[in-house]
Amino acid sequence: MKAIWNGTTVAESDDTVVIEGNHYFPAASLRQDCVLSSNHRTMCSWKGEARYLSLFVNGEVNPDAVWFYAEPKEAAAEIQGRVAFWKGVRVVESSAP
């Protein structure tokens, strides 16, 4: 799978976990040169506290487009160390353009 935003692949991995329709990529697959820190946080009743990162690609910022659970609740343990995307980030098969 690939996560693409603003014409750039920001993450790619054959090892994703799908929960609620979202592909969670290994955090190591996220291009660190494409992310900025964010202070944004939200709560999920069964996954825990989500933290966010912003994407920075080709001079443009997509605020809080990446989320992860640093310490997920036990029910969501399989997404520990993984990131997911939204806000216009396309997640496609690796063979797709």
PDB file of N, CA and C in Angstrom:
ATOM      1  N   MET A   1       0.841  -1.180   0.000  1.00  0.00           N
ATOM      2  CA  MET A   1       0.000   0.000   0.000  1.00  0.00           C
ATOM      3  C   MET A   1       0.886   1.244   0.000  1.00  0.00           C
ATOM      4  N   LYS A   2       0.352   2.302  -0.608  1.00  0.00           N
ATOM      5  CA  LYS A   2       1.031   3.601  -0.633  1.00  0.00           C
ATOM      6  C   LYS A   2       0.082   4.660  -0.082  1.00  0.00           C
ATOM      7  N   ALA A   3       0.632   5.614   0.646  1.00  0.00           N
ATOM      8  CA  ALA A   3      -0.094   6.814   1.060  1.00  0.00           C
ATOM      9  C   ALA A   3       0.501   7.969   0.257  1.00  0.00           C
ATOM     10  N   ILE A   4      -0.356   8.647  -0.506  1.00  0.00           N
ATOM     11  CA  ILE A   4       0.115   9.692  -1.431  1.00  0.00           C
ATOM     12  C   ILE A   4      -0.595  11.003  -1.121  1.00  0.00           C
ATOM     13  N   TRP A   5       0.180  12.061  -1.022  1.00  0.00           N
ATOM     14  CA  TRP A   5      -0.403  13.388  -0.873  1.00  0.00           C
ATOM     15  C   TRP A   5       0.421  14.390  -1.677  1.00  0.00           C
ATOM     16  N   ASN A   6      -0.263  15.260  -2.379  1.00  0.00           N
ATOM     17  CA  ASN A   6       0.375  16.324  -3.156  1.00  0.00           C
ATOM     18  C   ASN A   6       1.387  15.745  -4.147  1.00  0.00           C
ATOM     19  N   GLY A   7       1.034  14.591  -4.726  1.00  0.00           N
ATOM     20  CA  GLY A   7       1.872  13.977  -5.750  1.00  0.00           C
ATOM     21  C   GLY A   7       3.079  13.217  -5.235  1.00  0.00           C
ATOM     22  N   THR A   8       3.183  13.057  -3.919  1.00  0.00           N
ATOM     23  CA  THR A   8       4.350  12.408  -3.325  1.00  0.00           C
ATOM     24  C   THR A   8       3.925  11.226  -2.457  1.00  0.00           C
ATOM     25  N   THR A   9       4.621  10.113  -2.589  1.00  0.00           N
ATOM     26  CA  THR A   9       4.385   8.974  -1.709  1.00  0.00           C
ATOM     27  C   THR A   9       5.019   9.301  -0.359  1.00  0.00           C
ATOM     28  N   VAL A  10       4.179   9.393   0.676  1.00  0.00           N
ATOM     29  CA  VAL A  10       4.661   9.748   2.014  1.00  0.00           C
ATOM     30  C   VAL A  10       4.869   8.514   2.893  1.00  0.00           C
ATOM     31  N   ALA A  11       4.280   7.376   2.485  1.00  0.00           N
ATOM     32  CA  ALA A  11       4.503   6.103   3.185  1.00  0.00           C
ATOM     33  C   ALA A  11       4.207   4.974   2.214  1.00  0.00           C
ATOM     34  N   GLU A  12       4.936   3.862   2.380  1.00  0.00           N
ATOM     35  CA  GLU A  12       4.686   2.696   1.548  1.00  0.00           C
ATOM     36  C   GLU A  12       5.062   1.445   2.331  1.00  0.00           C
ATOM     37  N   SER A  13       4.165   0.459   2.313  1.00  0.00           N
ATOM     38  CA  SER A  13       4.424  -0.787   3.019  1.00  0.00           C
ATOM     39  C   SER A  13       3.471  -1.880   2.544  1.00  0.00           C
ATOM     40  N   ASP A  14       3.944  -3.113   2.561  1.00  0.00           N
ATOM     41  CA  ASP A  14       3.091  -4.272   2.295  1.00  0.00           C
ATOM     42  C   ASP A  14       2.478  -4.794   3.589  1.00  0.00           C
ATOM     43  N   ASP A  15       2.816  -4.161   4.707  1.00  0.00           N
ATOM     44  CA  ASP A  15       2.370  -4.600   6.025  1.00  0.00           C
ATOM     45  C   ASP A  15       1.483  -3.521   6.655  1.00  0.00           C
ATOM     46  N   THR A  16       0.203  -3.491   6.285  1.00  0.00           N
ATOM     47  CA  THR A  16      -0.722  -2.556   6.914  1.00  0.00           C
ATOM     48  C   THR A  16      -1.773  -3.329   7.691  1.00  0.00           C
ATOM     49  N   VAL A  17      -2.311  -2.685   8.706  1.00  0.00           N
ATOM     50  CA  VAL A  17      -3.404  -3.232   9.501  1.00  0.00           C
ATOM     51  C   VAL A  17      -4.621  -2.358   9.218  1.00  0.00           C
ATOM     52  N   VAL A  18      -5.730  -2.978   8.831  1.00  0.00           N
ATOM     53  CA  VAL A  18      -6.929  -2.208   8.500  1.00  0.00           C
ATOM     54  C   VAL A  18      -7.903  -2.264   9.671  1.00  0.00           C
ATOM     55  N   ILE A  19      -8.242  -1.090  10.177  1.00  0.00           N
ATOM     56  CA  ILE A  19      -9.240  -0.943  11.233  1.00  0.00           C
ATOM     57  C   ILE A  19     -10.170   0.179  10.833  1.00  0.00           C
ATOM     58  N   GLU A  20     -11.464  -0.114  10.884  1.00  0.00           N
ATOM     59  CA  GLU A  20     -12.500   0.868  10.540  1.00  0.00           C
ATOM     60  C   GLU A  20     -12.236   1.493   9.169  1.00  0.00           C
ATOM     61  N   GLY A  21     -11.743   0.685   8.235  1.00  0.00           N
ATOM     62  CA  GLY A  21     -11.511   1.148   6.875  1.00  0.00           C
ATOM     63  C   GLY A  21     -10.224   1.930   6.668  1.00  0.00           C
ATOM     64  N   ASN A  22      -9.440   2.130   7.711  1.00  0.00           N
ATOM     65  CA  ASN A  22      -8.185   2.872   7.614  1.00  0.00           C
ATOM     66  C   ASN A  22      -7.003   1.919   7.635  1.00  0.00           C
ATOM     67  N   HIS A  23      -6.061   2.142   6.720  1.00  0.00           N
ATOM     68  CA  HIS A  23      -4.825   1.359   6.695  1.00  0.00           C
ATOM     69  C   HIS A  23      -3.833   2.012   7.650  1.00  0.00           C
ATOM     70  N   TYR A  24      -3.375   1.246   8.616  1.00  0.00           N
ATOM     71  CA  TYR A  24      -2.339   1.701   9.538  1.00  0.00           C
ATOM     72  C   TYR A  24      -1.005   1.146   9.051  1.00  0.00           C
ATOM     73  N   PHE A  25      -0.117   2.043   8.673  1.00  0.00           N
ATOM     74  CA  PHE A  25       1.207   1.705   8.153  1.00  0.00           C
ATOM     75  C   PHE A  25       2.211   1.637   9.306  1.00  0.00           C
ATOM     76  N   PRO A  26       3.251   0.822   9.183  1.00  0.00           N
ATOM     77  CA  PRO A  26       4.323   0.870  10.189  1.00  0.00           C
ATOM     78  C   PRO A  26       4.889   2.295  10.244  1.00  0.00           C
ATOM     79  N   ALA A  27       5.110   2.804  11.434  1.00  0.00           N
ATOM     80  CA  ALA A  27       5.622   4.170  11.578  1.00  0.00           C
ATOM     81  C   ALA A  27       6.928   4.367  10.817  1.00  0.00           C
ATOM     82  N   ALA A  28       7.738   3.318  10.744  1.00  0.00           N
ATOM     83  CA  ALA A  28       9.025   3.412  10.044  1.00  0.00           C
ATOM     84  C   ALA A  28       8.856   3.641   8.542  1.00  0.00           C
ATOM     85  N   SER A  29       7.666   3.359   7.998  1.00  0.00           N
ATOM     86  CA  SER A  29       7.448   3.557   6.567  1.00  0.00           C
ATOM     87  C   SER A  29       7.100   5.010   6.224  1.00  0.00           C
ATOM     88  N   LEU A  30       6.816   5.822   7.224  1.00  0.00           N
ATOM     89  CA  LEU A  30       6.463   7.233   7.018  1.00  0.00           C
ATOM     90  C   LEU A  30       7.731   8.043   6.755  1.00  0.00           C
ATOM     91  N   ARG A  31       7.746   8.763   5.652  1.00  0.00           N
ATOM     92  CA  ARG A  31       8.906   9.591   5.312  1.00  0.00           C
ATOM     93  C   ARG A  31       9.017  10.754   6.293  1.00  0.00           C
ATOM     94  N   GLN A  32      10.060  10.734   7.087  1.00  0.00           N
ATOM     95  CA  GLN A  32      10.235  11.761   8.111  1.00  0.00           C
ATOM     96  C   GLN A  32      10.503  13.141   7.525  1.00  0.00           C
ATOM     97  N   ASP A  33      10.993  13.196   6.283  1.00  0.00           N
ATOM     98  CA  ASP A  33      11.232  14.486   5.643  1.00  0.00           C
ATOM     99  C   ASP A  33       9.930  15.136   5.175  1.00  0.00           C
ATOM    100  N   CYS A  34       8.805  14.444   5.347  1.00  0.00           N
ATOM    101  CA  CYS A  34       7.503  14.958   4.906  1.00  0.00           C
ATOM    102  C   CYS A  34       6.569  15.273   6.067  1.00  0.00           C
ATOM    103  N   VAL A  35       7.057  15.212   7.310  1.00  0.00           N
ATOM    104  CA  VAL A  35       6.165  15.443   8.444  1.00  0.00           C
ATOM    105  C   VAL A  35       6.649  16.580   9.337  1.00  0.00           C
ATOM    106  N   LEU A  36       5.670  17.221   9.941  1.00  0.00           N
ATOM    107  CA  LEU A  36       5.904  18.270  10.930  1.00  0.00           C
ATOM    108  C   LEU A  36       5.150  17.876  12.196  1.00  0.00           C
ATOM    109  N   SER A  37       5.654  18.279  13.343  1.00  0.00           N
ATOM    110  CA  SER A  37       4.971  17.950  14.590  1.00  0.00           C
ATOM    111  C   SER A  37       3.669  18.749  14.714  1.00  0.00           C
ATOM    112  N   SER A  38       2.784  18.251  15.550  1.00  0.00           N
ATOM    113  CA  SER A  38       1.507  18.898  15.816  1.00  0.00           C
ATOM    114  C   SER A  38       1.157  18.658  17.277  1.00  0.00           C
ATOM    115  N   ASN A  39       0.456  19.589  17.872  1.00  0.00           N
ATOM    116  CA  ASN A  39       0.005  19.432  19.251  1.00  0.00           C
ATOM    117  C   ASN A  39      -1.419  18.896  19.327  1.00  0.00           C
ATOM    118  N   HIS A  40      -2.036  18.636  18.186  1.00  0.00           N
ATOM    119  CA  HIS A  40      -3.434  18.196  18.150  1.00  0.00           C
ATOM    120  C   HIS A  40      -3.587  16.800  18.756  1.00  0.00           C
ATOM    121  N   ARG A  41      -4.642  16.616  19.542  1.00  0.00           N
ATOM    122  CA  ARG A  41      -4.957  15.327  20.163  1.00  0.00           C
ATOM    123  C   ARG A  41      -6.467  15.115  20.112  1.00  0.00           C
ATOM    124  N   THR A  42      -6.887  13.858  19.980  1.00  0.00           N
ATOM    125  CA  THR A  42      -8.298  13.500  20.111  1.00  0.00           C
ATOM    126  C   THR A  42      -8.382  12.209  20.916  1.00  0.00           C
ATOM    127  N   MET A  43      -9.579  11.874  21.374  1.00  0.00           N
ATOM    128  CA  MET A  43      -9.779  10.642  22.138  1.00  0.00           C
ATOM    129  C   MET A  43     -10.734   9.718  21.409  1.00  0.00           C
ATOM    130  N   CYS A  44     -10.415   8.447  21.418  1.00  0.00           N
ATOM    131  CA  CYS A  44     -11.288   7.395  20.907  1.00  0.00           C
ATOM    132  C   CYS A  44     -11.618   6.495  22.094  1.00  0.00           C
ATOM    133  N   SER A  45     -12.876   6.159  22.253  1.00  0.00           N
ATOM    134  CA  SER A  45     -13.289   5.390  23.428  1.00  0.00           C
ATOM    135  C   SER A  45     -12.629   4.019  23.514  1.00  0.00           C
ATOM    136  N   TRP A  46     -12.324   3.400  22.371  1.00  0.00           N
ATOM    137  CA  TRP A  46     -11.734   2.062  22.454  1.00  0.00           C
ATOM    138  C   TRP A  46     -10.278   1.981  22.026  1.00  0.00           C
ATOM    139  N   LYS A  47      -9.758   3.023  21.348  1.00  0.00           N
ATOM    140  CA  LYS A  47      -8.350   2.998  20.934  1.00  0.00           C
ATOM    141  C   LYS A  47      -7.460   3.838  21.843  1.00  0.00           C
ATOM    142  N   GLY A  48      -8.011   4.882  22.443  1.00  0.00           N
ATOM    143  CA  GLY A  48      -7.224   5.747  23.319  1.00  0.00           C
ATOM    144  C   GLY A  48      -6.988   7.118  22.716  1.00  0.00           C
ATOM    145  N   GLU A  49      -5.903   7.751  23.143  1.00  0.00           N
ATOM    146  CA  GLU A  49      -5.581   9.102  22.672  1.00  0.00           C
ATOM    147  C   GLU A  49      -4.826   9.060  21.349  1.00  0.00           C
ATOM    148  N   ALA A  50      -5.381   9.745  20.352  1.00  0.00           N
ATOM    149  CA  ALA A  50      -4.708   9.872  19.055  1.00  0.00           C
ATOM    150  C   ALA A  50      -3.874  11.146  19.057  1.00  0.00           C
ATOM    151  N   ARG A  51      -2.683  11.027  18.544  1.00  0.00           N
ATOM    152  CA  ARG A  51      -1.807  12.181  18.333  1.00  0.00           C
ATOM    153  C   ARG A  51      -1.667  12.366  16.828  1.00  0.00           C
ATOM    154  N   TYR A  52      -1.306  13.557  16.405  1.00  0.00           N
ATOM    155  CA  TYR A  52      -1.295  13.885  14.991  1.00  0.00           C
ATOM    156  C   TYR A  52       0.037  14.467  14.545  1.00  0.00           C
ATOM    157  N   LEU A  53       0.290  14.330  13.250  1.00  0.00           N
ATOM    158  CA  LEU A  53       1.412  14.962  12.570  1.00  0.00           C
ATOM    159  C   LEU A  53       0.848  15.665  11.337  1.00  0.00           C
ATOM    160  N   SER A  54       1.511  16.711  10.896  1.00  0.00           N
ATOM    161  CA  SER A  54       1.118  17.401   9.670  1.00  0.00           C
ATOM    162  C   SER A  54       2.054  16.973   8.551  1.00  0.00           C
ATOM    163  N   LEU A  55       1.527  16.946   7.345  1.00  0.00           N
ATOM    164  CA  LEU A  55       2.366  16.646   6.184  1.00  0.00           C
ATOM    165  C   LEU A  55       2.881  17.945   5.582  1.00  0.00           C
ATOM    166  N   PHE A  56       4.121  17.921   5.101  1.00  0.00           N
ATOM    167  CA  PHE A  56       4.738  19.060   4.427  1.00  0.00           C
ATOM    168  C   PHE A  56       5.386  18.528   3.164  1.00  0.00           C
ATOM    169  N   VAL A  57       4.759  18.824   2.014  1.00  0.00           N
ATOM    170  CA  VAL A  57       5.215  18.293   0.733  1.00  0.00           C
ATOM    171  C   VAL A  57       5.159  19.399  -0.319  1.00  0.00           C
ATOM    172  N   ASN A  58       6.238  19.558  -1.061  1.00  0.00           N
ATOM    173  CA  ASN A  58       6.305  20.542  -2.153  1.00  0.00           C
ATOM    174  C   ASN A  58       5.868  21.935  -1.693  1.00  0.00           C
ATOM    175  N   GLY A  59       6.281  22.313  -0.490  1.00  0.00           N
ATOM    176  CA  GLY A  59       5.999  23.645   0.035  1.00  0.00           C
ATOM    177  C   GLY A  59       4.599  23.831   0.598  1.00  0.00           C
ATOM    178  N   GLU A  60       3.780  22.773   0.605  1.00  0.00           N
ATOM    179  CA  GLU A  60       2.417  22.875   1.130  1.00  0.00           C
ATOM    180  C   GLU A  60       2.268  22.041   2.394  1.00  0.00           C
ATOM    181  N   VAL A  61       1.404  22.515   3.306  1.00  0.00           N
ATOM    182  CA  VAL A  61       1.162  21.822   4.567  1.00  0.00           C
ATOM    183  C   VAL A  61      -0.265  21.283   4.587  1.00  0.00           C
ATOM    184  N   ASN A  62      -0.413  20.052   5.037  1.00  0.00           N
ATOM    185  CA  ASN A  62      -1.714  19.422   5.269  1.00  0.00           C
ATOM    186  C   ASN A  62      -1.775  19.173   6.781  1.00  0.00           C
ATOM    187  N   PRO A  63      -2.401  20.106   7.525  1.00  0.00           N
ATOM    188  CA  PRO A  63      -2.368  20.020   8.986  1.00  0.00           C
ATOM    189  C   PRO A  63      -3.055  18.760   9.516  1.00  0.00           C
ATOM    190  N   ASP A  64      -2.383  18.107  10.454  1.00  0.00           N
ATOM    191  CA  ASP A  64      -2.953  16.974  11.195  1.00  0.00           C
ATOM    192  C   ASP A  64      -3.470  15.863  10.286  1.00  0.00           C
ATOM    193  N   ALA A  65      -2.796  15.598   9.187  1.00  0.00           N
ATOM    194  CA  ALA A  65      -3.246  14.600   8.210  1.00  0.00           C
ATOM    195  C   ALA A  65      -2.814  13.181   8.562  1.00  0.00           C
ATOM    196  N   VAL A  66      -1.944  13.039   9.543  1.00  0.00           N
ATOM    197  CA  VAL A  66      -1.440  11.736   9.973  1.00  0.00           C
ATOM    198  C   VAL A  66      -1.810  11.567  11.439  1.00  0.00           C
ATOM    199  N   TRP A  67      -2.307  10.379  11.807  1.00  0.00           N
ATOM    200  CA  TRP A  67      -2.555  10.155  13.230  1.00  0.00           C
ATOM    201  C   TRP A  67      -1.983   8.820  13.670  1.00  0.00           C
ATOM    202  N   PHE A  68      -1.747   8.732  14.980  1.00  0.00           N
ATOM    203  CA  PHE A  68      -1.213   7.505  15.567  1.00  0.00           C
ATOM    204  C   PHE A  68      -1.602   7.453  17.043  1.00  0.00           C
ATOM    205  N   TYR A  69      -1.534   6.268  17.588  1.00  0.00           N
ATOM    206  CA  TYR A  69      -1.817   6.040  19.002  1.00  0.00           C
ATOM    207  C   TYR A  69      -0.519   5.608  19.658  1.00  0.00           C
ATOM    208  N   ALA A  70       0.108   6.514  20.389  1.00  0.00           N
ATOM    209  CA  ALA A  70       1.394   6.206  21.024  1.00  0.00           C
ATOM    210  C   ALA A  70       1.241   5.105  22.066  1.00  0.00           C
ATOM    211  N   GLU A  71       0.127   5.113  22.772  1.00  0.00           N
ATOM    212  CA  GLU A  71      -0.150   4.110  23.798  1.00  0.00           C
ATOM    213  C   GLU A  71      -1.591   3.643  23.645  1.00  0.00           C
ATOM    214  N   PRO A  72      -1.879   2.845  22.615  1.00  0.00           N
ATOM    215  CA  PRO A  72      -3.265   2.425  22.401  1.00  0.00           C
ATOM    216  C   PRO A  72      -3.763   1.536  23.544  1.00  0.00           C
ATOM    217  N   LYS A  73      -5.085   1.560  23.725  1.00  0.00           N
ATOM    218  CA  LYS A  73      -5.699   0.666  24.703  1.00  0.00           C
ATOM    219  C   LYS A  73      -5.511  -0.774  24.232  1.00  0.00           C
ATOM    220  N   GLU A  74      -5.693  -1.717  25.144  1.00  0.00           N
ATOM    221  CA  GLU A  74      -5.453  -3.127  24.844  1.00  0.00           C
ATOM    222  C   GLU A  74      -6.235  -3.610  23.623  1.00  0.00           C
ATOM    223  N   ALA A  75      -7.469  -3.141  23.456  1.00  0.00           N
ATOM    224  CA  ALA A  75      -8.297  -3.567  22.324  1.00  0.00           C
ATOM    225  C   ALA A  75      -7.702  -3.169  20.980  1.00  0.00           C
ATOM    226  N   ALA A  76      -6.829  -2.165  20.980  1.00  0.00           N
ATOM    227  CA  ALA A  76      -6.229  -1.665  19.741  1.00  0.00           C
ATOM    228  C   ALA A  76      -4.713  -1.890  19.707  1.00  0.00           C
ATOM    229  N   ALA A  77      -4.235  -2.843  20.460  1.00  0.00           N
ATOM    230  CA  ALA A  77      -2.792  -3.079  20.569  1.00  0.00           C
ATOM    231  C   ALA A  77      -2.120  -3.308  19.215  1.00  0.00           C
ATOM    232  N   GLU A  78      -2.865  -3.843  18.235  1.00  0.00           N
ATOM    233  CA  GLU A  78      -2.259  -4.150  16.936  1.00  0.00           C
ATOM    234  C   GLU A  78      -1.843  -2.912  16.149  1.00  0.00           C
ATOM    235  N   ILE A  79      -2.296  -1.705  16.567  1.00  0.00           N
ATOM    236  CA  ILE A  79      -1.883  -0.488  15.847  1.00  0.00           C
ATOM    237  C   ILE A  79      -0.781   0.271  16.572  1.00  0.00           C
ATOM    238  N   GLN A  80      -0.239  -0.325  17.618  1.00  0.00           N
ATOM    239  CA  GLN A  80       0.930   0.260  18.296  1.00  0.00           C
ATOM    240  C   GLN A  80       2.062   0.397  17.278  1.00  0.00           C
ATOM    241  N   GLY A  81       2.676   1.577  17.217  1.00  0.00           N
ATOM    242  CA  GLY A  81       3.793   1.779  16.298  1.00  0.00           C
ATOM    243  C   GLY A  81       3.378   1.946  14.848  1.00  0.00           C
ATOM    244  N   ARG A  82       2.115   2.336  14.617  1.00  0.00           N
ATOM    245  CA  ARG A  82       1.596   2.503  13.260  1.00  0.00           C
ATOM    246  C   ARG A  82       0.958   3.870  13.094  1.00  0.00           C
ATOM    247  N   VAL A  83       0.865   4.316  11.837  1.00  0.00           N
ATOM    248  CA  VAL A  83       0.259   5.608  11.502  1.00  0.00           C
ATOM    249  C   VAL A  83      -0.821   5.414  10.435  1.00  0.00           C
ATOM    250  N   ALA A  84      -1.807   6.307  10.455  1.00  0.00           N
ATOM    251  CA  ALA A  84      -2.872   6.290   9.452  1.00  0.00           C
ATOM    252  C   ALA A  84      -3.047   7.704   8.902  1.00  0.00           C
ATOM    253  N   PHE A  85      -3.825   7.816   7.834  1.00  0.00           N
ATOM    254  CA  PHE A  85      -3.924   9.078   7.096  1.00  0.00           C
ATOM    255  C   PHE A  85      -5.372   9.450   6.801  1.00  0.00           C
ATOM    256  N   TRP A  86      -5.590  10.748   6.608  1.00  0.00           N
ATOM    257  CA  TRP A  86      -6.875  11.267   6.160  1.00  0.00           C
ATOM    258  C   TRP A  86      -6.640  12.636   5.541  1.00  0.00           C
ATOM    259  N   LYS A  87      -7.670  13.442   5.397  1.00  0.00           N
ATOM    260  CA  LYS A  87      -7.562  14.814   4.877  1.00  0.00           C
ATOM    261  C   LYS A  87      -6.925  14.871   3.488  1.00  0.00           C
ATOM    262  N   GLY A  88      -7.438  14.042   2.583  1.00  0.00           N
ATOM    263  CA  GLY A  88      -6.983  14.109   1.202  1.00  0.00           C
ATOM    264  C   GLY A  88      -5.798  13.226   0.862  1.00  0.00           C
ATOM    265  N   VAL A  89      -5.288  12.484   1.828  1.00  0.00           N
ATOM    266  CA  VAL A  89      -4.194  11.549   1.539  1.00  0.00           C
ATOM    267  C   VAL A  89      -4.817  10.301   0.918  1.00  0.00           C
ATOM    268  N   ARG A  90      -4.354   9.943  -0.278  1.00  0.00           N
ATOM    269  CA  ARG A  90      -4.874   8.754  -0.960  1.00  0.00           C
ATOM    270  C   ARG A  90      -4.079   7.534  -0.521  1.00  0.00           C
ATOM    271  N   VAL A  91      -4.806   6.476  -0.158  1.00  0.00           N
ATOM    272  CA  VAL A  91      -4.164   5.205   0.164  1.00  0.00           C
ATOM    273  C   VAL A  91      -4.562   4.238  -0.924  1.00  0.00           C
ATOM    274  N   VAL A  92      -3.553   3.749  -1.664  1.00  0.00           N
ATOM    275  CA  VAL A  92      -3.795   2.906  -2.844  1.00  0.00           C
ATOM    276  C   VAL A  92      -2.863   1.695  -2.813  1.00  0.00           C
ATOM    277  N   GLU A  93      -3.190   0.709  -3.656  1.00  0.00           N
ATOM    278  CA  GLU A  93      -2.301  -0.433  -3.836  1.00  0.00           C
ATOM    279  C   GLU A  93      -0.957   0.049  -4.344  1.00  0.00           C
ATOM    280  N   SER A  94       0.108  -0.584  -3.938  1.00  0.00           N
ATOM    281  CA  SER A  94       1.452  -0.155  -4.342  1.00  0.00           C
ATOM    282  C   SER A  94       1.668  -0.140  -5.850  1.00  0.00           C
ATOM    283  N   SER A  95       0.920  -0.968  -6.579  1.00  0.00           N
ATOM    284  CA  SER A  95       1.072  -0.995  -8.028  1.00  0.00           C
ATOM    285  C   SER A  95       0.353   0.162  -8.716  1.00  0.00           C
ATOM    286  N   ALA A  96      -0.496   0.893  -7.973  1.00  0.00           N
ATOM    287  CA  ALA A  96      -1.238   2.021  -8.571  1.00  0.00           C
ATOM    288  C   ALA A  96      -0.322   3.227  -8.725  1.00  0.00           C
ATOM    289  N   PRO A  97      -0.606   4.088  -9.708  1.00  0.00           N
ATOM    290  CA  PRO A  97       0.232   5.284  -9.894  1.00  0.00           C
ATOM    291  C   PRO A  97      -0.017   6.341  -8.842  1.00  0.00           C
TER     292      PRO A  97
END
